[in-house]
Amino acid sequence: MDQSVLFDADTGELVISRNSPETKMNIDSPRPGWAEQHPDTWWQHVAAAKKKLLSKVNTRSIEVAGIGISYQMHGLVIAGKDMEVLHLAINSLRQNF
């Protein structure tokens, strides 16, 4: 689960927090040691989390000044020249040397 939070930019106070997704996201493992996910799925959960948060408070989407994403550390998203995703995000690749 990933926690999404809404802070008041003026005070730095936490307004509300919610989880999205509410269960662990699927990880594709096409080969042993591989872990991949589609970046579009991450963005879908960012959008869902924003919707959940804003539905619980008196804040409009236009008032959101920024979005930060802290999902996973070492990953690779391969994108084309028009920023289209060319491959699933590679989250882990273990080699036995």
PDB file of N, CA and C in Angstrom:
ATOM      1  N   MET A   1       0.829  -1.174   0.000  1.00  0.00           N
ATOM      2  CA  MET A   1       0.000   0.000   0.000  1.00  0.00           C
ATOM      3  C   MET A   1       0.879   1.245   0.000  1.00  0.00           C
ATOM      4  N   ASP A   2       0.434   2.226  -0.686  1.00  0.00           N
ATOM      5  CA  ASP A   2       1.138   3.497  -0.711  1.00  0.00           C
ATOM      6  C   ASP A   2       0.259   4.537  -0.056  1.00  0.00           C
ATOM      7  N   GLN A   3       0.867   5.302   0.810  1.00  0.00           N
ATOM      8  CA  GLN A   3       0.114   6.325   1.525  1.00  0.00           C
ATOM      9  C   GLN A   3       0.168   7.632   0.750  1.00  0.00           C
ATOM     10  N   SER A   4      -0.977   8.246   0.618  1.00  0.00           N
ATOM     11  CA  SER A   4      -1.098   9.548  -0.016  1.00  0.00           C
ATOM     12  C   SER A   4      -1.521  10.535   1.052  1.00  0.00           C
ATOM     13  N   VAL A   5      -0.917  11.703   1.027  1.00  0.00           N
ATOM     14  CA  VAL A   5      -1.205  12.693   2.046  1.00  0.00           C
ATOM     15  C   VAL A   5      -1.493  14.040   1.407  1.00  0.00           C
ATOM     16  N   LEU A   6      -2.270  14.840   2.102  1.00  0.00           N
ATOM     17  CA  LEU A   6      -2.557  16.204   1.684  1.00  0.00           C
ATOM     18  C   LEU A   6      -2.100  17.118   2.811  1.00  0.00           C
ATOM     19  N   PHE A   7      -1.187  18.028   2.471  1.00  0.00           N
ATOM     20  CA  PHE A   7      -0.677  18.997   3.433  1.00  0.00           C
ATOM     21  C   PHE A   7      -1.193  20.383   3.088  1.00  0.00           C
ATOM     22  N   ASP A   8      -1.353  21.205   4.100  1.00  0.00           N
ATOM     23  CA  ASP A   8      -1.658  22.620   3.907  1.00  0.00           C
ATOM     24  C   ASP A   8      -0.321  23.307   3.635  1.00  0.00           C
ATOM     25  N   ALA A   9      -0.163  23.872   2.448  1.00  0.00           N
ATOM     26  CA  ALA A   9       1.106  24.485   2.049  1.00  0.00           C
ATOM     27  C   ALA A   9       1.450  25.695   2.908  1.00  0.00           C
ATOM     28  N   ASP A  10       0.458  26.372   3.442  1.00  0.00           N
ATOM     29  CA  ASP A  10       0.716  27.561   4.254  1.00  0.00           C
ATOM     30  C   ASP A  10       1.227  27.216   5.652  1.00  0.00           C
ATOM     31  N   THR A  11       0.698  26.141   6.214  1.00  0.00           N
ATOM     32  CA  THR A  11       1.042  25.800   7.597  1.00  0.00           C
ATOM     33  C   THR A  11       1.949  24.576   7.711  1.00  0.00           C
ATOM     34  N   GLY A  12       2.007  23.761   6.656  1.00  0.00           N
ATOM     35  CA  GLY A  12       2.768  22.513   6.717  1.00  0.00           C
ATOM     36  C   GLY A  12       2.053  21.421   7.478  1.00  0.00           C
ATOM     37  N   GLU A  13       0.824  21.681   7.879  1.00  0.00           N
ATOM     38  CA  GLU A  13       0.041  20.717   8.656  1.00  0.00           C
ATOM     39  C   GLU A  13      -0.547  19.638   7.755  1.00  0.00           C
ATOM     40  N   LEU A  14      -0.557  18.416   8.282  1.00  0.00           N
ATOM     41  CA  LEU A  14      -1.212  17.309   7.596  1.00  0.00           C
ATOM     42  C   LEU A  14      -2.712  17.527   7.637  1.00  0.00           C
ATOM     43  N   VAL A  15      -3.365  17.471   6.478  1.00  0.00           N
ATOM     44  CA  VAL A  15      -4.813  17.638   6.396  1.00  0.00           C
ATOM     45  C   VAL A  15      -5.486  16.275   6.450  1.00  0.00           C
ATOM     46  N   ILE A  16      -5.002  15.323   5.636  1.00  0.00           N
ATOM     47  CA  ILE A  16      -5.636  14.006   5.548  1.00  0.00           C
ATOM     48  C   ILE A  16      -4.664  13.041   4.872  1.00  0.00           C
ATOM     49  N   SER A  17      -4.819  11.755   5.150  1.00  0.00           N
ATOM     50  CA  SER A  17      -4.033  10.741   4.446  1.00  0.00           C
ATOM     51  C   SER A  17      -4.929   9.553   4.107  1.00  0.00           C
ATOM     52  N   ARG A  18      -4.621   8.914   3.007  1.00  0.00           N
ATOM     53  CA  ARG A  18      -5.351   7.739   2.533  1.00  0.00           C
ATOM     54  C   ARG A  18      -4.366   6.811   1.819  1.00  0.00           C
ATOM     55  N   ASN A  19      -4.751   5.560   1.662  1.00  0.00           N
ATOM     56  CA  ASN A  19      -3.928   4.610   0.927  1.00  0.00           C
ATOM     57  C   ASN A  19      -4.507   4.357  -0.455  1.00  0.00           C
ATOM     58  N   SER A  20      -3.619   4.276  -1.441  1.00  0.00           N
ATOM     59  CA  SER A  20      -4.026   3.881  -2.789  1.00  0.00           C
ATOM     60  C   SER A  20      -2.811   3.293  -3.490  1.00  0.00           C
ATOM     61  N   PRO A  21      -2.878   2.062  -3.883  1.00  0.00           N
ATOM     62  CA  PRO A  21      -4.026   1.164  -3.772  1.00  0.00           C
ATOM     63  C   PRO A  21      -4.199   0.680  -2.335  1.00  0.00           C
ATOM     64  N   GLU A  22      -5.320   0.078  -2.080  1.00  0.00           N
ATOM     65  CA  GLU A  22      -5.596  -0.400  -0.731  1.00  0.00           C
ATOM     66  C   GLU A  22      -4.994  -1.784  -0.487  1.00  0.00           C
ATOM     67  N   THR A  23      -4.526  -2.421  -1.528  1.00  0.00           N
ATOM     68  CA  THR A  23      -3.812  -3.695  -1.429  1.00  0.00           C
ATOM     69  C   THR A  23      -2.525  -3.558  -2.230  1.00  0.00           C
ATOM     70  N   LYS A  24      -1.639  -4.512  -2.084  1.00  0.00           N
ATOM     71  CA  LYS A  24      -0.376  -4.458  -2.813  1.00  0.00           C
ATOM     72  C   LYS A  24      -0.622  -4.514  -4.318  1.00  0.00           C
ATOM     73  N   MET A  25       0.198  -3.771  -5.040  1.00  0.00           N
ATOM     74  CA  MET A  25       0.110  -3.788  -6.506  1.00  0.00           C
ATOM     75  C   MET A  25       0.771  -5.056  -7.038  1.00  0.00           C
ATOM     76  N   ASN A  26       0.251  -5.541  -8.155  1.00  0.00           N
ATOM     77  CA  ASN A  26       0.838  -6.710  -8.795  1.00  0.00           C
ATOM     78  C   ASN A  26       2.216  -6.371  -9.345  1.00  0.00           C
ATOM     79  N   ILE A  27       3.105  -7.315  -9.256  1.00  0.00           N
ATOM     80  CA  ILE A  27       4.431  -7.196  -9.855  1.00  0.00           C
ATOM     81  C   ILE A  27       4.585  -8.344 -10.835  1.00  0.00           C
ATOM     82  N   ASP A  28       4.888  -8.003 -12.077  1.00  0.00           N
ATOM     83  CA  ASP A  28       5.127  -9.029 -13.084  1.00  0.00           C
ATOM     84  C   ASP A  28       6.541  -9.563 -12.916  1.00  0.00           C
ATOM     85  N   SER A  29       6.688 -10.862 -13.034  1.00  0.00           N
ATOM     86  CA  SER A  29       7.993 -11.497 -12.930  1.00  0.00           C
ATOM     87  C   SER A  29       8.135 -12.486 -14.081  1.00  0.00           C
ATOM     88  N   PRO A  30       8.427 -11.963 -15.294  1.00  0.00           N
ATOM     89  CA  PRO A  30       8.483 -12.839 -16.461  1.00  0.00           C
ATOM     90  C   PRO A  30       9.647 -13.830 -16.449  1.00  0.00           C
ATOM     91  N   ARG A  31      10.658 -13.538 -15.646  1.00  0.00           N
ATOM     92  CA  ARG A  31      11.800 -14.438 -15.482  1.00  0.00           C
ATOM     93  C   ARG A  31      12.235 -14.401 -14.023  1.00  0.00           C
ATOM     94  N   PRO A  32      12.885 -15.440 -13.548  1.00  0.00           N
ATOM     95  CA  PRO A  32      13.361 -15.422 -12.161  1.00  0.00           C
ATOM     96  C   PRO A  32      14.255 -14.202 -11.898  1.00  0.00           C
ATOM     97  N   GLY A  33      13.993 -13.506 -10.793  1.00  0.00           N
ATOM     98  CA  GLY A  33      14.787 -12.341 -10.424  1.00  0.00           C
ATOM     99  C   GLY A  33      14.311 -11.036 -11.044  1.00  0.00           C
ATOM    100  N   TRP A  34      13.351 -11.081 -11.939  1.00  0.00           N
ATOM    101  CA  TRP A  34      12.835  -9.869 -12.579  1.00  0.00           C
ATOM    102  C   TRP A  34      11.618  -9.371 -11.815  1.00  0.00           C
ATOM    103  N   ALA A  35      11.466  -8.066 -11.767  1.00  0.00           N
ATOM    104  CA  ALA A  35      10.273  -7.453 -11.176  1.00  0.00           C
ATOM    105  C   ALA A  35       9.936  -6.231 -12.014  1.00  0.00           C
ATOM    106  N   GLU A  36       8.739  -6.227 -12.592  1.00  0.00           N
ATOM    107  CA  GLU A  36       8.330  -5.152 -13.498  1.00  0.00           C
ATOM    108  C   GLU A  36       6.909  -4.698 -13.185  1.00  0.00           C
ATOM    109  N   GLN A  37       6.654  -3.417 -13.432  1.00  0.00           N
ATOM    110  CA  GLN A  37       5.313  -2.852 -13.308  1.00  0.00           C
ATOM    111  C   GLN A  37       5.125  -1.812 -14.403  1.00  0.00           C
ATOM    112  N   HIS A  38       3.867  -1.542 -14.746  1.00  0.00           N
ATOM    113  CA  HIS A  38       3.597  -0.529 -15.756  1.00  0.00           C
ATOM    114  C   HIS A  38       3.470   0.837 -15.081  1.00  0.00           C
ATOM    115  N   PRO A  39       4.275   1.824 -15.515  1.00  0.00           N
ATOM    116  CA  PRO A  39       4.206   3.152 -14.916  1.00  0.00           C
ATOM    117  C   PRO A  39       2.818   3.796 -14.993  1.00  0.00           C
ATOM    118  N   ASP A  40       2.036   3.460 -16.005  1.00  0.00           N
ATOM    119  CA  ASP A  40       0.676   4.013 -16.088  1.00  0.00           C
ATOM    120  C   ASP A  40      -0.155   3.611 -14.871  1.00  0.00           C
ATOM    121  N   THR A  41       0.098   2.422 -14.342  1.00  0.00           N
ATOM    122  CA  THR A  41      -0.610   1.963 -13.144  1.00  0.00           C
ATOM    123  C   THR A  41      -0.272   2.862 -11.964  1.00  0.00           C
ATOM    124  N   TRP A  42       0.986   3.277 -11.854  1.00  0.00           N
ATOM    125  CA  TRP A  42       1.372   4.189 -10.778  1.00  0.00           C
ATOM    126  C   TRP A  42       0.573   5.481 -10.884  1.00  0.00           C
ATOM    127  N   TRP A  43       0.515   6.010 -12.104  1.00  0.00           N
ATOM    128  CA  TRP A  43      -0.187   7.288 -12.295  1.00  0.00           C
ATOM    129  C   TRP A  43      -1.677   7.148 -12.019  1.00  0.00           C
ATOM    130  N   GLN A  44      -2.261   6.017 -12.391  1.00  0.00           N
ATOM    131  CA  GLN A  44      -3.677   5.780 -12.101  1.00  0.00           C
ATOM    132  C   GLN A  44      -3.923   5.832 -10.593  1.00  0.00           C
ATOM    133  N   HIS A  45      -2.993   5.299  -9.808  1.00  0.00           N
ATOM    134  CA  HIS A  45      -3.153   5.328  -8.352  1.00  0.00           C
ATOM    135  C   HIS A  45      -2.908   6.720  -7.783  1.00  0.00           C
ATOM    136  N   VAL A  46      -2.032   7.491  -8.403  1.00  0.00           N
ATOM    137  CA  VAL A  46      -1.863   8.883  -7.983  1.00  0.00           C
ATOM    138  C   VAL A  46      -3.176   9.634  -8.182  1.00  0.00           C
ATOM    139  N   ALA A  47      -3.791   9.453  -9.356  1.00  0.00           N
ATOM    140  CA  ALA A  47      -5.060  10.118  -9.651  1.00  0.00           C
ATOM    141  C   ALA A  47      -6.162   9.646  -8.701  1.00  0.00           C
ATOM    142  N   ALA A  48      -6.206   8.337  -8.422  1.00  0.00           N
ATOM    143  CA  ALA A  48      -7.220   7.800  -7.507  1.00  0.00           C
ATOM    144  C   ALA A  48      -7.012   8.333  -6.097  1.00  0.00           C
ATOM    145  N   ALA A  49      -5.765   8.419  -5.667  1.00  0.00           N
ATOM    146  CA  ALA A  49      -5.470   8.932  -4.328  1.00  0.00           C
ATOM    147  C   ALA A  49      -5.879  10.396  -4.215  1.00  0.00           C
ATOM    148  N   LYS A  50      -5.566  11.173  -5.242  1.00  0.00           N
ATOM    149  CA  LYS A  50      -5.949  12.591  -5.220  1.00  0.00           C
ATOM    150  C   LYS A  50      -7.464  12.726  -5.114  1.00  0.00           C
ATOM    151  N   LYS A  51      -8.165  11.921  -5.877  1.00  0.00           N
ATOM    152  CA  LYS A  51      -9.632  11.964  -5.853  1.00  0.00           C
ATOM    153  C   LYS A  51     -10.160  11.585  -4.467  1.00  0.00           C
ATOM    154  N   LYS A  52      -9.575  10.543  -3.856  1.00  0.00           N
ATOM    155  CA  LYS A  52      -9.988  10.130  -2.508  1.00  0.00           C
ATOM    156  C   LYS A  52      -9.760  11.241  -1.499  1.00  0.00           C
ATOM    157  N   LEU A  53      -8.561  11.834  -1.562  1.00  0.00           N
ATOM    158  CA  LEU A  53      -8.223  12.883  -0.603  1.00  0.00           C
ATOM    159  C   LEU A  53      -9.156  14.082  -0.741  1.00  0.00           C
ATOM    160  N   LEU A  54      -9.323  14.542  -1.973  1.00  0.00           N
ATOM    161  CA  LEU A  54     -10.129  15.748  -2.188  1.00  0.00           C
ATOM    162  C   LEU A  54     -11.607  15.529  -1.899  1.00  0.00           C
ATOM    163  N   SER A  55     -12.066  14.284  -2.012  1.00  0.00           N
ATOM    164  CA  SER A  55     -13.480  14.014  -1.723  1.00  0.00           C
ATOM    165  C   SER A  55     -13.777  14.112  -0.227  1.00  0.00           C
ATOM    166  N   LYS A  56     -12.746  14.071   0.594  1.00  0.00           N
ATOM    167  CA  LYS A  56     -12.928  14.089   2.048  1.00  0.00           C
ATOM    168  C   LYS A  56     -12.712  15.464   2.673  1.00  0.00           C
ATOM    169  N   VAL A  57     -12.231  16.418   1.880  1.00  0.00           N
ATOM    170  CA  VAL A  57     -11.950  17.756   2.422  1.00  0.00           C
ATOM    171  C   VAL A  57     -12.568  18.814   1.520  1.00  0.00           C
ATOM    172  N   ASN A  58     -12.608  20.015   2.002  1.00  0.00           N
ATOM    173  CA  ASN A  58     -13.172  21.124   1.241  1.00  0.00           C
ATOM    174  C   ASN A  58     -12.067  21.794   0.417  1.00  0.00           C
ATOM    175  N   THR A  59     -11.493  21.032  -0.522  1.00  0.00           N
ATOM    176  CA  THR A  59     -10.410  21.521  -1.373  1.00  0.00           C
ATOM    177  C   THR A  59     -10.709  21.120  -2.808  1.00  0.00           C
ATOM    178  N   ARG A  60     -10.500  22.057  -3.708  1.00  0.00           N
ATOM    179  CA  ARG A  60     -10.711  21.761  -5.128  1.00  0.00           C
ATOM    180  C   ARG A  60      -9.388  21.363  -5.774  1.00  0.00           C
ATOM    181  N   SER A  61      -9.470  20.592  -6.826  1.00  0.00           N
ATOM    182  CA  SER A  61      -8.292  20.120  -7.535  1.00  0.00           C
ATOM    183  C   SER A  61      -7.395  21.278  -7.971  1.00  0.00           C
ATOM    184  N   ILE A  62      -7.998  22.392  -8.368  1.00  0.00           N
ATOM    185  CA  ILE A  62      -7.250  23.557  -8.832  1.00  0.00           C
ATOM    186  C   ILE A  62      -6.366  24.134  -7.721  1.00  0.00           C
ATOM    187  N   GLU A  63      -6.698  23.830  -6.468  1.00  0.00           N
ATOM    188  CA  GLU A  63      -5.934  24.357  -5.332  1.00  0.00           C
ATOM    189  C   GLU A  63      -4.693  23.520  -5.001  1.00  0.00           C
ATOM    190  N   VAL A  64      -4.558  22.367  -5.641  1.00  0.00           N
ATOM    191  CA  VAL A  64      -3.394  21.511  -5.401  1.00  0.00           C
ATOM    192  C   VAL A  64      -2.200  22.126  -6.124  1.00  0.00           C
ATOM    193  N   ALA A  65      -1.165  22.473  -5.355  1.00  0.00           N
ATOM    194  CA  ALA A  65      -0.006  23.168  -5.917  1.00  0.00           C
ATOM    195  C   ALA A  65       1.064  22.208  -6.434  1.00  0.00           C
ATOM    196  N   GLY A  66       1.074  20.983  -5.957  1.00  0.00           N
ATOM    197  CA  GLY A  66       2.099  20.046  -6.402  1.00  0.00           C
ATOM    198  C   GLY A  66       1.778  18.635  -5.980  1.00  0.00           C
ATOM    199  N   ILE A  67       2.411  17.697  -6.659  1.00  0.00           N
ATOM    200  CA  ILE A  67       2.262  16.274  -6.345  1.00  0.00           C
ATOM    201  C   ILE A  67       3.661  15.684  -6.279  1.00  0.00           C
ATOM    202  N   GLY A  68       3.947  14.972  -5.213  1.00  0.00           N
ATOM    203  CA  GLY A  68       5.217  14.262  -5.093  1.00  0.00           C
ATOM    204  C   GLY A  68       4.947  12.777  -5.062  1.00  0.00           C
ATOM    205  N   ILE A  69       5.799  12.023  -5.696  1.00  0.00           N
ATOM    206  CA  ILE A  69       5.633  10.574  -5.738  1.00  0.00           C
ATOM    207  C   ILE A  69       6.874   9.930  -5.145  1.00  0.00           C
ATOM    208  N   SER A  70       6.674   9.080  -4.180  1.00  0.00           N
ATOM    209  CA  SER A  70       7.769   8.337  -3.565  1.00  0.00           C
ATOM    210  C   SER A  70       7.340   6.889  -3.531  1.00  0.00           C
ATOM    211  N   TYR A  71       7.605   6.181  -4.615  1.00  0.00           N
ATOM    212  CA  TYR A  71       7.083   4.813  -4.714  1.00  0.00           C
ATOM    213  C   TYR A  71       8.173   3.777  -4.492  1.00  0.00           C
ATOM    214  N   GLN A  72       9.186   3.812  -5.289  1.00  0.00           N
ATOM    215  CA  GLN A  72      10.249   2.833  -5.161  1.00  0.00           C
ATOM    216  C   GLN A  72      11.560   3.481  -5.576  1.00  0.00           C
ATOM    217  N   MET A  73      12.649   2.895  -5.143  1.00  0.00           N
ATOM    218  CA  MET A  73      13.938   3.567  -5.324  1.00  0.00           C
ATOM    219  C   MET A  73      14.575   3.317  -6.683  1.00  0.00           C
ATOM    220  N   HIS A  74      15.074   2.142  -6.887  1.00  0.00           N
ATOM    221  CA  HIS A  74      15.900   1.877  -8.055  1.00  0.00           C
ATOM    222  C   HIS A  74      15.062   1.213  -9.134  1.00  0.00           C
ATOM    223  N   GLY A  75      14.666   1.991 -10.083  1.00  0.00           N
ATOM    224  CA  GLY A  75      13.859   1.468 -11.172  1.00  0.00           C
ATOM    225  C   GLY A  75      14.205   2.182 -12.459  1.00  0.00           C
ATOM    226  N   LEU A  76      13.811   1.593 -13.545  1.00  0.00           N
ATOM    227  CA  LEU A  76      14.083   2.155 -14.861  1.00  0.00           C
ATOM    228  C   LEU A  76      12.789   2.205 -15.654  1.00  0.00           C
ATOM    229  N   VAL A  77      12.444   3.393 -16.116  1.00  0.00           N
ATOM    230  CA  VAL A  77      11.302   3.557 -17.004  1.00  0.00           C
ATOM    231  C   VAL A  77      11.869   3.983 -18.352  1.00  0.00           C
ATOM    232  N   ILE A  78      11.645   3.165 -19.346  1.00  0.00           N
ATOM    233  CA  ILE A  78      12.150   3.447 -20.688  1.00  0.00           C
ATOM    234  C   ILE A  78      11.049   4.164 -21.460  1.00  0.00           C
ATOM    235  N   ALA A  79      11.352   5.384 -21.899  1.00  0.00           N
ATOM    236  CA  ALA A  79      10.364   6.208 -22.598  1.00  0.00           C
ATOM    237  C   ALA A  79      10.920   6.628 -23.958  1.00  0.00           C
ATOM    238  N   GLY A  80      10.007   6.782 -24.913  1.00  0.00           N
ATOM    239  CA  GLY A  80      10.365   7.238 -26.246  1.00  0.00           C
ATOM    240  C   GLY A  80      10.452   8.752 -26.308  1.00  0.00           C
ATOM    241  N   LYS A  81      10.722   9.252 -27.492  1.00  0.00           N
ATOM    242  CA  LYS A  81      10.917  10.694 -27.651  1.00  0.00           C
ATOM    243  C   LYS A  81       9.665  11.498 -27.336  1.00  0.00           C
ATOM    244  N   ASP A  82       8.488  10.886 -27.448  1.00  0.00           N
ATOM    245  CA  ASP A  82       7.232  11.567 -27.109  1.00  0.00           C
ATOM    246  C   ASP A  82       6.763  11.206 -25.703  1.00  0.00           C
ATOM    247  N   MET A  83       7.685  10.675 -24.886  1.00  0.00           N
ATOM    248  CA  MET A  83       7.446  10.302 -23.490  1.00  0.00           C
ATOM    249  C   MET A  83       6.468   9.137 -23.335  1.00  0.00           C
ATOM    250  N   GLU A  84       6.272   8.345 -24.397  1.00  0.00           N
ATOM    251  CA  GLU A  84       5.446   7.155 -24.258  1.00  0.00           C
ATOM    252  C   GLU A  84       6.290   6.043 -23.629  1.00  0.00           C
ATOM    253  N   VAL A  85       5.663   5.245 -22.789  1.00  0.00           N
ATOM    254  CA  VAL A  85       6.360   4.149 -22.121  1.00  0.00           C
ATOM    255  C   VAL A  85       6.622   3.053 -23.153  1.00  0.00           C
ATOM    256  N   LEU A  86       7.878   2.648 -23.282  1.00  0.00           N
ATOM    257  CA  LEU A  86       8.257   1.634 -24.264  1.00  0.00           C
ATOM    258  C   LEU A  86       8.359   0.234 -23.668  1.00  0.00           C
ATOM    259  N   HIS A  87       8.437   0.157 -22.348  1.00  0.00           N
ATOM    260  CA  HIS A  87       8.586  -1.150 -21.692  1.00  0.00           C
ATOM    261  C   HIS A  87       8.075  -1.009 -20.276  1.00  0.00           C
ATOM    262  N   LEU A  88       7.677  -2.094 -19.666  1.00  0.00           N
ATOM    263  CA  LEU A  88       7.315  -2.058 -18.259  1.00  0.00           C
ATOM    264  C   LEU A  88       8.491  -1.507 -17.462  1.00  0.00           C
ATOM    265  N   ALA A  89       8.204  -0.831 -16.353  1.00  0.00           N
ATOM    266  CA  ALA A  89       9.271  -0.321 -15.495  1.00  0.00           C
ATOM    267  C   ALA A  89      10.007  -1.507 -14.884  1.00  0.00           C
ATOM    268  N   ILE A  90      11.319  -1.458 -14.955  1.00  0.00           N
ATOM    269  CA  ILE A  90      12.149  -2.520 -14.397  1.00  0.00           C
ATOM    270  C   ILE A  90      12.497  -2.111 -12.973  1.00  0.00           C
ATOM    271  N   ASN A  91      11.881  -2.796 -12.015  1.00  0.00           N
ATOM    272  CA  ASN A  91      12.067  -2.464 -10.610  1.00  0.00           C
ATOM    273  C   ASN A  91      13.205  -3.236  -9.979  1.00  0.00           C
ATOM    274  N   SER A  92      13.526  -4.399 -10.525  1.00  0.00           N
ATOM    275  CA  SER A  92      14.555  -5.226  -9.918  1.00  0.00           C
ATOM    276  C   SER A  92      15.048  -6.216 -10.954  1.00  0.00           C
ATOM    277  N   LEU A  93      16.321  -6.436 -10.940  1.00  0.00           N
ATOM    278  CA  LEU A  93      16.927  -7.440 -11.809  1.00  0.00           C
ATOM    279  C   LEU A  93      18.102  -8.011 -11.036  1.00  0.00           C
ATOM    280  N   ARG A  94      17.971  -9.237 -10.605  1.00  0.00           N
ATOM    281  CA  ARG A  94      19.041  -9.855  -9.827  1.00  0.00           C
ATOM    282  C   ARG A  94      19.829 -10.808 -10.705  1.00  0.00           C
ATOM    283  N   GLN A  95      21.119 -10.675 -10.640  1.00  0.00           N
ATOM    284  CA  GLN A  95      22.007 -11.559 -11.374  1.00  0.00           C
ATOM    285  C   GLN A  95      22.793 -12.408 -10.368  1.00  0.00           C
ATOM    286  N   ASN A  96      23.001 -13.628 -10.689  1.00  0.00           N
ATOM    287  CA  ASN A  96      23.862 -14.493  -9.862  1.00  0.00           C
ATOM    288  C   ASN A  96      25.232 -14.531 -10.519  1.00  0.00           C
ATOM    289  N   PHE A  97      26.209 -13.927  -9.853  1.00  0.00           N
ATOM    290  CA  PHE A  97      27.570 -13.903 -10.400  1.00  0.00           C
ATOM    291  C   PHE A  97      28.451 -14.869  -9.656  1.00  0.00           C
TER     292      PHE A  97
END
